[in-house]
Amino acid sequence: MSNGKDFTLTHVALLVGDQEQALTFYRDVIGLEVRQDMPFPGGRWLTVGPVSQPGIEFILEVPEMAPVDAARAAYQGRLASGAQSTLIFTTDAVDDTFTRLRDAGVAVDQEPITQPYGVRDCGFRDPWGNHLRFSEVLG
């Protein structure tokens, strides 16, 4: 019987309004790699993930993929108010990452600042309101 100590996180759902636009954003702008792209009821099973972490995938999930009407309606409500999931990435060069993403037109929430808990970080928002943070561990 499992007590949870053998669990490994492999997938996280990220609510988006359009899978093709999300693919372009997360692959071409952010720099994640496509892991899976195949037909799925309500759209397609589309996942991306960081090159350096082959064991984690973000499901680019649209409301049409929800199994019941009530869930689809709830997803549409979340999108209407800003999906607001949060992904936090680490990087060796947060200032360079900030400049690259800002110059690519990604919505900035926070310019790079040094935090009292030992990281320098910045924040962005994807086209659906999800928070994206990038942190560089200092010293």
N, C-alpha and C. Protein backbone atom coordinates (compact mmCIF):
# COMPACT_ATOMS: atom_id res chain seq x y z
N MET A 1 0.84 -1.19 0.00
CA MET A 1 0.00 0.00 0.00
C MET A 1 0.88 1.25 0.00
N SER A 2 0.55 2.18 -0.85
CA SER A 2 1.33 3.41 -0.95
C SER A 2 1.03 4.35 0.21
N ASN A 3 2.07 4.96 0.74
CA ASN A 3 1.88 5.97 1.78
C ASN A 3 2.20 7.36 1.24
N GLY A 4 2.38 7.47 -0.08
CA GLY A 4 2.67 8.76 -0.70
C GLY A 4 4.14 9.04 -0.89
N LYS A 5 5.00 8.29 -0.23
CA LYS A 5 6.43 8.55 -0.34
C LYS A 5 7.00 8.12 -1.69
N ASP A 6 6.24 7.33 -2.44
CA ASP A 6 6.71 6.88 -3.75
C ASP A 6 6.13 7.73 -4.88
N PHE A 7 5.41 8.80 -4.58
CA PHE A 7 4.79 9.63 -5.61
C PHE A 7 5.83 10.46 -6.34
N THR A 8 5.62 10.65 -7.64
CA THR A 8 6.43 11.53 -8.47
C THR A 8 5.49 12.41 -9.27
N LEU A 9 5.67 13.71 -9.21
CA LEU A 9 4.85 14.63 -9.99
C LEU A 9 5.30 14.59 -11.44
N THR A 10 4.36 14.39 -12.37
CA THR A 10 4.70 14.32 -13.79
C THR A 10 3.96 15.35 -14.63
N HIS A 11 2.73 15.71 -14.25
CA HIS A 11 1.92 16.60 -15.06
C HIS A 11 1.23 17.66 -14.18
N VAL A 12 1.15 18.87 -14.72
CA VAL A 12 0.42 19.96 -14.09
C VAL A 12 -0.44 20.59 -15.19
N ALA A 13 -1.73 20.75 -14.94
CA ALA A 13 -2.62 21.37 -15.92
C ALA A 13 -2.52 22.89 -15.82
N LEU A 14 -2.42 23.53 -16.97
CA LEU A 14 -2.35 24.98 -17.06
C LEU A 14 -3.49 25.43 -17.95
N LEU A 15 -4.44 26.17 -17.40
CA LEU A 15 -5.63 26.59 -18.14
C LEU A 15 -5.27 27.71 -19.12
N VAL A 16 -5.60 27.47 -20.38
CA VAL A 16 -5.36 28.45 -21.44
C VAL A 16 -6.63 28.56 -22.28
N GLY A 17 -6.75 29.64 -23.03
CA GLY A 17 -7.94 29.84 -23.84
C GLY A 17 -7.86 29.29 -25.24
N ASP A 18 -6.64 29.06 -25.73
CA ASP A 18 -6.45 28.60 -27.10
C ASP A 18 -5.16 27.79 -27.16
N GLN A 19 -5.26 26.55 -27.55
CA GLN A 19 -4.08 25.68 -27.52
C GLN A 19 -3.02 26.09 -28.53
N GLU A 20 -3.41 26.51 -29.71
CA GLU A 20 -2.41 26.88 -30.72
C GLU A 20 -1.65 28.13 -30.27
N GLN A 21 -2.38 29.10 -29.73
CA GLN A 21 -1.73 30.31 -29.23
C GLN A 21 -0.84 29.98 -28.03
N ALA A 22 -1.31 29.07 -27.18
CA ALA A 22 -0.51 28.66 -26.02
C ALA A 22 0.76 27.93 -26.46
N LEU A 23 0.64 27.09 -27.48
CA LEU A 23 1.81 26.40 -27.99
C LEU A 23 2.85 27.41 -28.49
N THR A 24 2.41 28.38 -29.26
CA THR A 24 3.33 29.40 -29.76
C THR A 24 3.97 30.17 -28.61
N PHE A 25 3.17 30.54 -27.61
CA PHE A 25 3.68 31.30 -26.48
C PHE A 25 4.69 30.50 -25.67
N TYR A 26 4.30 29.31 -25.24
CA TYR A 26 5.17 28.54 -24.34
C TYR A 26 6.37 27.91 -25.05
N ARG A 27 6.24 27.55 -26.30
CA ARG A 27 7.36 26.97 -27.05
C ARG A 27 8.27 28.06 -27.61
N ASP A 28 7.69 28.99 -28.37
CA ASP A 28 8.50 29.94 -29.13
C ASP A 28 8.94 31.15 -28.32
N VAL A 29 8.13 31.58 -27.36
CA VAL A 29 8.47 32.77 -26.58
C VAL A 29 9.18 32.37 -25.28
N ILE A 30 8.55 31.52 -24.49
CA ILE A 30 9.14 31.12 -23.20
C ILE A 30 10.34 30.19 -23.42
N GLY A 31 10.23 29.25 -24.36
CA GLY A 31 11.36 28.36 -24.65
C GLY A 31 11.20 26.93 -24.16
N LEU A 32 9.97 26.54 -23.82
CA LEU A 32 9.75 25.16 -23.40
C LEU A 32 9.68 24.26 -24.63
N GLU A 33 9.89 22.96 -24.40
CA GLU A 33 9.82 22.04 -25.52
C GLU A 33 8.48 21.30 -25.51
N VAL A 34 8.02 20.93 -26.70
CA VAL A 34 6.79 20.15 -26.83
C VAL A 34 7.09 18.72 -26.43
N ARG A 35 6.25 18.18 -25.55
CA ARG A 35 6.41 16.80 -25.10
C ARG A 35 5.41 15.88 -25.80
N GLN A 36 4.15 16.30 -25.86
CA GLN A 36 3.12 15.48 -26.52
C GLN A 36 2.16 16.41 -27.26
N ASP A 37 1.68 15.95 -28.40
CA ASP A 37 0.70 16.69 -29.18
C ASP A 37 -0.10 15.67 -29.97
N MET A 38 -1.31 15.35 -29.49
CA MET A 38 -2.13 14.33 -30.13
C MET A 38 -3.61 14.64 -29.89
N PRO A 39 -4.49 14.05 -30.71
CA PRO A 39 -5.93 14.30 -30.53
C PRO A 39 -6.40 13.88 -29.14
N PHE A 40 -7.39 14.63 -28.64
CA PHE A 40 -7.98 14.39 -27.32
C PHE A 40 -9.40 14.94 -27.36
N PRO A 41 -10.36 14.33 -26.68
CA PRO A 41 -11.73 14.87 -26.70
C PRO A 41 -11.75 16.34 -26.28
N GLY A 42 -12.33 17.19 -27.10
CA GLY A 42 -12.43 18.61 -26.80
C GLY A 42 -11.24 19.41 -27.29
N GLY A 43 -10.31 18.82 -27.94
CA GLY A 43 -9.13 19.55 -28.41
C GLY A 43 -8.01 18.60 -28.73
N ARG A 44 -6.95 18.78 -28.03
CA ARG A 44 -5.80 17.88 -28.21
C ARG A 44 -5.03 17.80 -26.90
N TRP A 45 -4.35 16.69 -26.73
CA TRP A 45 -3.48 16.50 -25.57
C TRP A 45 -2.16 17.14 -25.95
N LEU A 46 -1.91 18.32 -25.36
CA LEU A 46 -0.75 19.12 -25.74
C LEU A 46 0.01 19.45 -24.47
N THR A 47 1.25 19.00 -24.40
CA THR A 47 2.06 19.26 -23.22
C THR A 47 3.41 19.84 -23.62
N VAL A 48 3.94 20.67 -22.73
CA VAL A 48 5.26 21.27 -22.89
C VAL A 48 6.00 21.14 -21.57
N GLY A 49 7.31 21.32 -21.60
CA GLY A 49 8.08 21.26 -20.38
C GLY A 49 9.47 21.81 -20.57
N PRO A 50 10.16 22.09 -19.46
CA PRO A 50 11.53 22.58 -19.54
C PRO A 50 12.47 21.50 -20.07
N VAL A 51 13.36 21.88 -20.96
CA VAL A 51 14.32 20.94 -21.53
C VAL A 51 15.08 20.22 -20.43
N SER A 52 15.44 20.93 -19.37
CA SER A 52 16.27 20.36 -18.30
C SER A 52 15.50 19.44 -17.36
N GLN A 53 14.18 19.33 -17.52
CA GLN A 53 13.37 18.47 -16.65
C GLN A 53 12.44 17.60 -17.48
N PRO A 54 12.97 16.53 -18.05
CA PRO A 54 12.15 15.69 -18.92
C PRO A 54 10.99 14.99 -18.22
N GLY A 55 10.99 14.94 -16.91
CA GLY A 55 9.94 14.24 -16.18
C GLY A 55 8.73 15.08 -15.82
N ILE A 56 8.70 16.37 -16.19
CA ILE A 56 7.57 17.23 -15.85
C ILE A 56 6.96 17.80 -17.12
N GLU A 57 5.62 17.75 -17.19
CA GLU A 57 4.91 18.27 -18.35
C GLU A 57 3.79 19.19 -17.89
N PHE A 58 3.63 20.30 -18.60
CA PHE A 58 2.50 21.21 -18.38
C PHE A 58 1.48 20.91 -19.46
N ILE A 59 0.27 20.53 -19.04
CA ILE A 59 -0.82 20.27 -19.97
C ILE A 59 -1.43 21.62 -20.32
N LEU A 60 -1.43 21.97 -21.60
CA LEU A 60 -2.07 23.22 -22.04
C LEU A 60 -3.54 22.89 -22.25
N GLU A 61 -4.30 23.10 -21.20
CA GLU A 61 -5.68 22.63 -21.10
C GLU A 61 -6.67 23.75 -21.42
N VAL A 62 -7.62 23.45 -22.28
CA VAL A 62 -8.70 24.38 -22.62
C VAL A 62 -9.99 23.89 -21.96
N PRO A 63 -10.95 24.80 -21.73
CA PRO A 63 -12.19 24.39 -21.06
C PRO A 63 -12.91 23.23 -21.74
N GLU A 64 -12.82 23.12 -23.05
CA GLU A 64 -13.50 22.05 -23.77
C GLU A 64 -13.01 20.65 -23.39
N MET A 65 -11.87 20.57 -22.75
CA MET A 65 -11.33 19.28 -22.34
C MET A 65 -11.96 18.77 -21.04
N ALA A 66 -12.67 19.64 -20.32
CA ALA A 66 -13.30 19.23 -19.06
C ALA A 66 -14.39 18.19 -19.35
N PRO A 67 -14.53 17.19 -18.49
CA PRO A 67 -15.44 16.08 -18.77
C PRO A 67 -16.93 16.39 -18.60
N VAL A 68 -17.27 17.44 -17.88
CA VAL A 68 -18.70 17.74 -17.64
C VAL A 68 -18.96 19.23 -17.86
N ASP A 69 -20.21 19.55 -18.16
CA ASP A 69 -20.60 20.94 -18.45
C ASP A 69 -20.26 21.90 -17.32
N ALA A 70 -20.50 21.49 -16.09
CA ALA A 70 -20.25 22.39 -14.95
C ALA A 70 -18.76 22.74 -14.86
N ALA A 71 -17.90 21.78 -15.10
CA ALA A 71 -16.46 22.06 -15.07
C ALA A 71 -16.06 22.97 -16.22
N ARG A 72 -16.63 22.75 -17.41
CA ARG A 72 -16.33 23.62 -18.54
C ARG A 72 -16.74 25.06 -18.23
N ALA A 73 -17.91 25.22 -17.64
CA ALA A 73 -18.38 26.56 -17.28
C ALA A 73 -17.47 27.21 -16.24
N ALA A 74 -17.02 26.42 -15.28
CA ALA A 74 -16.10 26.95 -14.25
C ALA A 74 -14.79 27.38 -14.88
N TYR A 75 -14.27 26.59 -15.80
CA TYR A 75 -13.03 26.94 -16.50
C TYR A 75 -13.21 28.23 -17.30
N GLN A 76 -14.36 28.37 -17.96
CA GLN A 76 -14.61 29.60 -18.72
C GLN A 76 -14.64 30.80 -17.77
N GLY A 77 -15.22 30.64 -16.59
CA GLY A 77 -15.24 31.70 -15.60
C GLY A 77 -13.85 32.07 -15.13
N ARG A 78 -13.01 31.07 -14.92
CA ARG A 78 -11.62 31.35 -14.52
C ARG A 78 -10.88 32.11 -15.61
N LEU A 79 -11.09 31.72 -16.86
CA LEU A 79 -10.43 32.43 -17.96
C LEU A 79 -10.91 33.87 -18.05
N ALA A 80 -12.20 34.08 -17.84
CA ALA A 80 -12.76 35.44 -17.93
C ALA A 80 -12.17 36.37 -16.88
N SER A 81 -11.80 35.81 -15.72
CA SER A 81 -11.24 36.64 -14.65
C SER A 81 -9.72 36.55 -14.56
N GLY A 82 -9.10 35.83 -15.46
CA GLY A 82 -7.64 35.63 -15.42
C GLY A 82 -7.36 34.29 -14.77
N ALA A 83 -6.83 33.34 -15.52
CA ALA A 83 -6.69 31.96 -15.06
C ALA A 83 -5.92 31.87 -13.74
N GLN A 84 -4.86 32.60 -13.59
CA GLN A 84 -4.11 32.80 -12.35
C GLN A 84 -3.49 31.58 -11.71
N SER A 85 -3.07 30.63 -12.50
CA SER A 85 -2.16 29.61 -11.98
C SER A 85 -0.79 30.25 -11.90
N THR A 86 0.13 29.61 -11.19
CA THR A 86 1.49 30.15 -11.07
C THR A 86 2.50 29.07 -11.41
N LEU A 87 3.44 29.41 -12.28
CA LEU A 87 4.59 28.57 -12.56
C LEU A 87 5.82 29.37 -12.16
N ILE A 88 6.72 28.73 -11.41
CA ILE A 88 7.96 29.39 -10.99
C ILE A 88 9.13 28.57 -11.54
N PHE A 89 9.97 29.24 -12.31
CA PHE A 89 11.14 28.61 -12.91
C PHE A 89 12.40 29.20 -12.28
N THR A 90 13.46 28.40 -12.21
CA THR A 90 14.76 28.95 -11.85
C THR A 90 15.59 29.08 -13.12
N THR A 91 16.52 30.01 -13.09
CA THR A 91 17.40 30.28 -14.21
C THR A 91 18.74 30.74 -13.67
N ASP A 92 19.77 30.61 -14.48
CA ASP A 92 21.09 31.12 -14.09
C ASP A 92 21.27 32.58 -14.45
N ALA A 93 20.29 33.16 -15.18
CA ALA A 93 20.45 34.53 -15.68
C ALA A 93 19.09 35.23 -15.70
N VAL A 94 18.60 35.62 -14.54
CA VAL A 94 17.26 36.20 -14.47
C VAL A 94 17.17 37.53 -15.22
N ASP A 95 18.20 38.35 -15.16
CA ASP A 95 18.13 39.64 -15.86
C ASP A 95 18.08 39.45 -17.37
N ASP A 96 18.85 38.51 -17.88
CA ASP A 96 18.80 38.22 -19.31
C ASP A 96 17.44 37.64 -19.70
N THR A 97 16.90 36.76 -18.86
CA THR A 97 15.58 36.19 -19.12
C THR A 97 14.53 37.29 -19.14
N PHE A 98 14.61 38.20 -18.17
CA PHE A 98 13.66 39.30 -18.12
C PHE A 98 13.71 40.12 -19.42
N THR A 99 14.90 40.49 -19.83
CA THR A 99 15.05 41.32 -21.03
C THR A 99 14.50 40.59 -22.26
N ARG A 100 14.82 39.33 -22.40
CA ARG A 100 14.36 38.55 -23.56
C ARG A 100 12.84 38.49 -23.61
N LEU A 101 12.21 38.17 -22.46
CA LEU A 101 10.75 38.04 -22.44
C LEU A 101 10.04 39.39 -22.57
N ARG A 102 10.56 40.40 -21.90
CA ARG A 102 9.98 41.74 -22.04
C ARG A 102 10.05 42.20 -23.48
N ASP A 103 11.22 42.03 -24.11
CA ASP A 103 11.39 42.46 -25.50
C ASP A 103 10.53 41.65 -26.47
N ALA A 104 10.13 40.44 -26.07
CA ALA A 104 9.24 39.62 -26.89
C ALA A 104 7.78 40.01 -26.70
N GLY A 105 7.52 40.97 -25.80
CA GLY A 105 6.16 41.45 -25.59
C GLY A 105 5.37 40.76 -24.51
N VAL A 106 6.02 39.93 -23.69
CA VAL A 106 5.31 39.27 -22.59
C VAL A 106 4.95 40.31 -21.54
N ALA A 107 3.73 40.24 -21.02
CA ALA A 107 3.24 41.21 -20.03
C ALA A 107 4.06 41.11 -18.73
N VAL A 108 4.66 42.21 -18.34
CA VAL A 108 5.51 42.26 -17.14
C VAL A 108 4.67 42.55 -15.91
N ASP A 109 4.84 41.74 -14.87
CA ASP A 109 4.24 41.99 -13.55
C ASP A 109 5.25 42.62 -12.60
N GLN A 110 6.51 42.19 -12.71
CA GLN A 110 7.54 42.68 -11.79
C GLN A 110 8.90 42.63 -12.48
N GLU A 111 9.58 43.76 -12.47
CA GLU A 111 10.95 43.79 -12.99
C GLU A 111 11.86 43.06 -12.01
N PRO A 112 13.05 42.67 -12.43
CA PRO A 112 13.94 41.93 -11.53
C PRO A 112 14.27 42.71 -10.25
N ILE A 113 14.13 42.05 -9.13
CA ILE A 113 14.52 42.62 -7.84
C ILE A 113 15.20 41.53 -7.02
N THR A 114 16.06 41.97 -6.10
CA THR A 114 16.71 41.04 -5.19
C THR A 114 15.84 40.90 -3.95
N GLN A 115 15.45 39.68 -3.65
CA GLN A 115 14.57 39.39 -2.53
C GLN A 115 15.40 39.10 -1.27
N PRO A 116 14.85 39.36 -0.09
CA PRO A 116 15.60 39.12 1.14
C PRO A 116 15.84 37.64 1.44
N TYR A 117 15.16 36.75 0.72
CA TYR A 117 15.33 35.32 0.97
C TYR A 117 16.32 34.67 -0.01
N GLY A 118 17.16 35.48 -0.67
CA GLY A 118 18.29 34.93 -1.41
C GLY A 118 18.09 34.64 -2.88
N VAL A 119 17.08 35.25 -3.49
CA VAL A 119 16.92 35.10 -4.93
C VAL A 119 16.72 36.47 -5.57
N ARG A 120 17.03 36.54 -6.83
CA ARG A 120 16.68 37.70 -7.66
C ARG A 120 15.61 37.17 -8.60
N ASP A 121 14.45 37.83 -8.65
CA ASP A 121 13.38 37.29 -9.47
C ASP A 121 12.59 38.37 -10.19
N CYS A 122 11.77 37.91 -11.13
CA CYS A 122 10.91 38.80 -11.90
C CYS A 122 9.62 38.04 -12.21
N GLY A 123 8.61 38.78 -12.65
CA GLY A 123 7.33 38.15 -12.92
C GLY A 123 6.69 38.63 -14.21
N PHE A 124 5.95 37.72 -14.83
CA PHE A 124 5.23 37.98 -16.07
C PHE A 124 3.85 37.35 -15.98
N ARG A 125 3.04 37.61 -17.00
CA ARG A 125 1.73 36.99 -17.13
C ARG A 125 1.59 36.45 -18.55
N ASP A 126 1.01 35.26 -18.68
CA ASP A 126 0.75 34.74 -20.02
C ASP A 126 -0.53 35.38 -20.56
N PRO A 127 -0.91 35.12 -21.79
CA PRO A 127 -2.09 35.77 -22.37
C PRO A 127 -3.41 35.48 -21.64
N TRP A 128 -3.45 34.51 -20.75
CA TRP A 128 -4.68 34.15 -20.04
C TRP A 128 -4.64 34.54 -18.57
N GLY A 129 -3.61 35.22 -18.15
CA GLY A 129 -3.52 35.69 -16.77
C GLY A 129 -2.74 34.80 -15.83
N ASN A 130 -2.20 33.71 -16.32
CA ASN A 130 -1.36 32.86 -15.46
C ASN A 130 -0.06 33.58 -15.13
N HIS A 131 0.39 33.42 -13.89
CA HIS A 131 1.62 34.06 -13.42
C HIS A 131 2.83 33.19 -13.79
N LEU A 132 3.86 33.83 -14.30
CA LEU A 132 5.12 33.15 -14.60
C LEU A 132 6.22 33.90 -13.87
N ARG A 133 6.93 33.21 -13.01
CA ARG A 133 8.02 33.84 -12.27
C ARG A 133 9.32 33.14 -12.63
N PHE A 134 10.38 33.93 -12.66
CA PHE A 134 11.71 33.43 -12.96
C PHE A 134 12.64 33.90 -11.86
N SER A 135 13.36 32.96 -11.25
CA SER A 135 14.21 33.26 -10.10
C SER A 135 15.63 32.76 -10.33
N GLU A 136 16.56 33.54 -9.86
CA GLU A 136 17.97 33.16 -9.86
C GLU A 136 18.43 33.10 -8.41
N VAL A 137 18.90 31.93 -7.99
CA VAL A 137 19.39 31.78 -6.62
C VAL A 137 20.72 32.51 -6.52
N LEU A 138 20.85 33.35 -5.51
CA LEU A 138 22.06 34.15 -5.34
C LEU A 138 23.04 33.45 -4.41
N GLY A 139 24.33 33.69 -4.69
CA GLY A 139 25.46 33.29 -3.88
C GLY A 139 25.38 31.98 -3.26
